[in-house]
Amino acid sequence: MLDTIDMTWISIGIVGLIVTCTLLWILVSQLQKKSIQLAQLQAQIDTLSSNLSALCAGTIGVNKRLNQLEQHNRALQVRQDHIENQEQNDCSYGDAIQMVRHGATAPRLIEELGLGSSEANLIVMLHGMKETG
């Protein structure tokens, strides 16, 4: 009878050992799968981090270039404004010369074209009708 009880306990122990080993094997295989997944996720994080760094570096370059273009644009705008003002003055002077050749006086040039007094007088002196003596 003792042998039967010992064999029962040995059988229960063997079954328990088999169940424990099976559970341990399942846990180890799950751990391996999770380890592989973790390595894959770490590789993705590294790739994304590298891409983000490249984007940031590119953004800095684009920002510098954009600032340069804005400065160049402002310089061109100032230059264009200067040229337009000069053209308006040239047109005013051309109009003034034509008016003086048709007998206009300095006060009329000042009033109609908005020229300064010295400018109007100079145009009248240079382009006015010469009196014949």
C-alpha atoms as a PDB file:
ATOM      1  CA  MET A   1       0.000   0.000   0.000  1.00  0.00           C
ATOM      2  CA  LEU A   2       2.863   2.297   0.715  1.00  0.00           C
ATOM      3  CA  ASP A   3       4.182   1.689  -2.702  1.00  0.00           C
ATOM      4  CA  THR A   4       0.897   2.733  -4.266  1.00  0.00           C
ATOM      5  CA  ILE A   5       0.840   5.986  -2.267  1.00  0.00           C
ATOM      6  CA  ASP A   6       4.459   6.695  -3.146  1.00  0.00           C
ATOM      7  CA  MET A   7       3.753   6.045  -6.807  1.00  0.00           C
ATOM      8  CA  THR A   8       0.724   8.332  -6.696  1.00  0.00           C
ATOM      9  CA  TRP A   9       2.804  11.121  -5.180  1.00  0.00           C
ATOM     10  CA  ILE A  10       5.558  10.510  -7.671  1.00  0.00           C
ATOM     11  CA  SER A  11       3.016  10.607 -10.499  1.00  0.00           C
ATOM     12  CA  ILE A  12       1.507  13.808  -9.132  1.00  0.00           C
ATOM     13  CA  GLY A  13       5.004  15.276  -8.776  1.00  0.00           C
ATOM     14  CA  ILE A  14       5.902  14.308 -12.351  1.00  0.00           C
ATOM     15  CA  VAL A  15       2.641  15.761 -13.687  1.00  0.00           C
ATOM     16  CA  GLY A  16       3.243  18.910 -11.647  1.00  0.00           C
ATOM     17  CA  LEU A  17       6.792  19.100 -12.972  1.00  0.00           C
ATOM     18  CA  ILE A  18       5.566  18.648 -16.559  1.00  0.00           C
ATOM     19  CA  VAL A  19       2.894  21.347 -16.082  1.00  0.00           C
ATOM     20  CA  THR A  20       5.452  23.682 -14.517  1.00  0.00           C
ATOM     21  CA  CYS A  21       7.941  23.064 -17.325  1.00  0.00           C
ATOM     22  CA  THR A  22       5.234  23.595 -19.931  1.00  0.00           C
ATOM     23  CA  LEU A  23       4.174  26.874 -18.320  1.00  0.00           C
ATOM     24  CA  LEU A  24       7.794  27.917 -18.028  1.00  0.00           C
ATOM     25  CA  TRP A  25       8.375  27.113 -21.714  1.00  0.00           C
ATOM     26  CA  ILE A  26       5.271  29.156 -22.685  1.00  0.00           C
ATOM     27  CA  LEU A  27       6.472  32.086 -20.578  1.00  0.00           C
ATOM     28  CA  VAL A  28       9.973  31.919 -22.082  1.00  0.00           C
ATOM     29  CA  SER A  29       8.589  31.851 -25.638  1.00  0.00           C
ATOM     30  CA  GLN A  30       6.289  34.808 -24.844  1.00  0.00           C
ATOM     31  CA  LEU A  31       9.266  36.652 -23.385  1.00  0.00           C
ATOM     32  CA  GLN A  32      11.256  35.993 -26.560  1.00  0.00           C
ATOM     33  CA  LYS A  33       8.405  37.319 -28.724  1.00  0.00           C
ATOM     34  CA  LYS A  34       8.131  40.433 -26.567  1.00  0.00           C
ATOM     35  CA  SER A  35      11.885  40.910 -26.728  1.00  0.00           C
ATOM     36  CA  ILE A  36      11.774  40.779 -30.538  1.00  0.00           C
ATOM     37  CA  GLN A  37       8.873  43.240 -30.587  1.00  0.00           C
ATOM     38  CA  LEU A  38      10.768  45.533 -28.247  1.00  0.00           C
ATOM     39  CA  ALA A  39      13.833  45.441 -30.514  1.00  0.00           C
ATOM     40  CA  GLN A  40      11.659  46.259 -33.544  1.00  0.00           C
ATOM     41  CA  LEU A  41      10.014  49.148 -31.726  1.00  0.00           C
ATOM     42  CA  GLN A  42      13.406  50.463 -30.610  1.00  0.00           C
ATOM     43  CA  ALA A  43      14.600  50.351 -34.239  1.00  0.00           C
ATOM     44  CA  GLN A  44      11.502  52.329 -35.286  1.00  0.00           C
ATOM     45  CA  ILE A  45      12.134  54.883 -32.549  1.00  0.00           C
ATOM     46  CA  ASP A  46      15.747  55.247 -33.687  1.00  0.00           C
ATOM     47  CA  THR A  47      14.643  55.745 -37.306  1.00  0.00           C
ATOM     48  CA  LEU A  48      12.009  58.298 -36.337  1.00  0.00           C
ATOM     49  CA  SER A  49      14.495  60.123 -34.135  1.00  0.00           C
ATOM     50  CA  SER A  50      16.976  60.258 -37.006  1.00  0.00           C
ATOM     51  CA  ASN A  51      14.289  61.532 -39.382  1.00  0.00           C
ATOM     52  CA  LEU A  52      13.230  64.174 -36.875  1.00  0.00           C
ATOM     53  CA  SER A  53      16.810  65.360 -36.492  1.00  0.00           C
ATOM     54  CA  ALA A  54      17.174  65.612 -40.274  1.00  0.00           C
ATOM     55  CA  LEU A  55      13.914  67.564 -40.514  1.00  0.00           C
ATOM     56  CA  CYS A  56      15.036  69.962 -37.797  1.00  0.00           C
ATOM     57  CA  ALA A  57      18.358  70.527 -39.539  1.00  0.00           C
ATOM     58  CA  GLY A  58      16.528  71.115 -42.820  1.00  0.00           C
ATOM     59  CA  THR A  59      14.142  73.530 -41.156  1.00  0.00           C
ATOM     60  CA  ILE A  60      17.047  75.587 -39.848  1.00  0.00           C
ATOM     61  CA  GLY A  61      18.489  75.807 -43.375  1.00  0.00           C
ATOM     62  CA  VAL A  62      15.131  76.759 -44.848  1.00  0.00           C
ATOM     63  CA  ASN A  63      14.652  79.389 -42.146  1.00  0.00           C
ATOM     64  CA  LYS A  64      18.052  80.942 -42.912  1.00  0.00           C
ATOM     65  CA  ARG A  65      17.296  80.968 -46.640  1.00  0.00           C
ATOM     66  CA  LEU A  66      13.853  82.464 -46.015  1.00  0.00           C
ATOM     67  CA  ASN A  67      15.404  85.263 -43.935  1.00  0.00           C
ATOM     68  CA  GLN A  68      17.893  85.963 -46.733  1.00  0.00           C
ATOM     69  CA  LEU A  69      15.095  86.105 -49.289  1.00  0.00           C
ATOM     70  CA  GLU A  70      13.053  88.446 -47.081  1.00  0.00           C
ATOM     71  CA  GLN A  71      16.037  90.781 -46.686  1.00  0.00           C
ATOM     72  CA  HIS A  72      16.646  90.707 -50.435  1.00  0.00           C
ATOM     73  CA  ASN A  73      12.952  91.373 -51.057  1.00  0.00           C
ATOM     74  CA  ARG A  74      13.013  94.388 -48.707  1.00  0.00           C
ATOM     75  CA  ALA A  75      16.115  95.744 -50.465  1.00  0.00           C
ATOM     76  CA  LEU A  76      14.442  95.310 -53.856  1.00  0.00           C
ATOM     77  CA  GLN A  77      11.285  97.016 -52.589  1.00  0.00           C
ATOM     78  CA  VAL A  78      13.297 100.009 -51.356  1.00  0.00           C
ATOM     79  CA  ARG A  79      15.123 100.134 -54.686  1.00  0.00           C
ATOM     80  CA  GLN A  80      11.875  99.910 -56.637  1.00  0.00           C
ATOM     81  CA  ASP A  81      10.309 102.680 -54.537  1.00  0.00           C
ATOM     82  CA  HIS A  82      13.378 104.840 -55.161  1.00  0.00           C
ATOM     83  CA  ILE A  83      13.192 104.228 -58.921  1.00  0.00           C
ATOM     84  CA  GLU A  84       9.463 104.973 -58.982  1.00  0.00           C
ATOM     85  CA  ASN A  85      10.013 108.225 -57.073  1.00  0.00           C
ATOM     86  CA  GLN A  86      12.798 109.133 -59.447  1.00  0.00           C
ATOM     87  CA  GLU A  87      10.579 108.394 -62.457  1.00  0.00           C
ATOM     88  CA  GLN A  88       7.811 110.552 -60.982  1.00  0.00           C
ATOM     89  CA  ASN A  89      10.270 113.395 -60.473  1.00  0.00           C
ATOM     90  CA  ASP A  90      11.643 112.929 -63.999  1.00  0.00           C
ATOM     91  CA  CYS A  91       8.116 113.017 -65.368  1.00  0.00           C
ATOM     92  CA  SER A  92       7.373 116.135 -63.320  1.00  0.00           C
ATOM     93  CA  TYR A  93      10.539 117.770 -64.625  1.00  0.00           C
ATOM     94  CA  GLY A  94       9.666 116.807 -68.202  1.00  0.00           C
ATOM     95  CA  ASP A  95       6.179 118.225 -67.739  1.00  0.00           C
ATOM     96  CA  ALA A  96       7.644 121.349 -66.165  1.00  0.00           C
ATOM     97  CA  ILE A  97      10.054 121.883 -69.089  1.00  0.00           C
ATOM     98  CA  GLN A  98       7.205 121.544 -71.574  1.00  0.00           C
ATOM     99  CA  MET A  99       5.072 123.979 -69.574  1.00  0.00           C
ATOM    100  CA  VAL A 100       7.920 126.523 -69.386  1.00  0.00           C
ATOM    101  CA  ARG A 101       8.470 126.268 -73.154  1.00  0.00           C
ATOM    102  CA  HIS A 102       4.815 127.201 -73.512  1.00  0.00           C
ATOM    103  CA  GLY A 103       5.194 130.194 -71.244  1.00  0.00           C
ATOM    104  CA  ALA A 104       4.516 128.844 -67.722  1.00  0.00           C
ATOM    105  CA  THR A 105       6.050 130.670 -64.764  1.00  0.00           C
ATOM    106  CA  ALA A 106       7.744 129.308 -61.633  1.00  0.00           C
ATOM    107  CA  PRO A 107       4.671 129.912 -59.381  1.00  0.00           C
ATOM    108  CA  ARG A 108       2.526 127.933 -61.835  1.00  0.00           C
ATOM    109  CA  LEU A 109       5.028 125.015 -61.778  1.00  0.00           C
ATOM    110  CA  ILE A 110       5.010 125.061 -57.981  1.00  0.00           C
ATOM    111  CA  GLU A 111       1.224 125.065 -57.834  1.00  0.00           C
ATOM    112  CA  GLU A 112       0.459 122.514 -60.562  1.00  0.00           C
ATOM    113  CA  LEU A 113       3.371 120.091 -60.276  1.00  0.00           C
ATOM    114  CA  GLY A 114       4.313 120.449 -56.625  1.00  0.00           C
ATOM    115  CA  LEU A 115       7.900 121.410 -57.396  1.00  0.00           C
ATOM    116  CA  GLY A 116       9.991 123.265 -54.879  1.00  0.00           C
ATOM    117  CA  SER A 117      10.611 126.962 -55.415  1.00  0.00           C
ATOM    118  CA  SER A 118      14.289 126.527 -56.271  1.00  0.00           C
ATOM    119  CA  GLU A 119      13.498 123.684 -58.694  1.00  0.00           C
ATOM    120  CA  ALA A 120      10.794 125.683 -60.458  1.00  0.00           C
ATOM    121  CA  ASN A 121      13.031 128.782 -60.747  1.00  0.00           C
ATOM    122  CA  LEU A 122      15.933 126.704 -62.096  1.00  0.00           C
ATOM    123  CA  ILE A 123      13.731 125.064 -64.752  1.00  0.00           C
ATOM    124  CA  VAL A 124      12.367 128.469 -65.783  1.00  0.00           C
ATOM    125  CA  MET A 125      15.928 129.877 -66.016  1.00  0.00           C
ATOM    126  CA  LEU A 126      17.220 126.934 -68.056  1.00  0.00           C
ATOM    127  CA  HIS A 127      14.272 126.318 -70.347  1.00  0.00           C
ATOM    128  CA  GLY A 128      12.310 129.556 -70.357  1.00  0.00           C
ATOM    129  CA  MET A 129      11.863 131.744 -73.435  1.00  0.00           C
ATOM    130  CA  LYS A 130      14.897 133.853 -73.972  1.00  0.00           C
ATOM    131  CA  GLU A 131      14.097 137.506 -74.334  1.00  0.00           C
ATOM    132  CA  THR A 132      15.500 138.983 -77.490  1.00  0.00           C
ATOM    133  CA  GLY A 133      17.009 142.399 -77.026  1.00  0.00           C
END
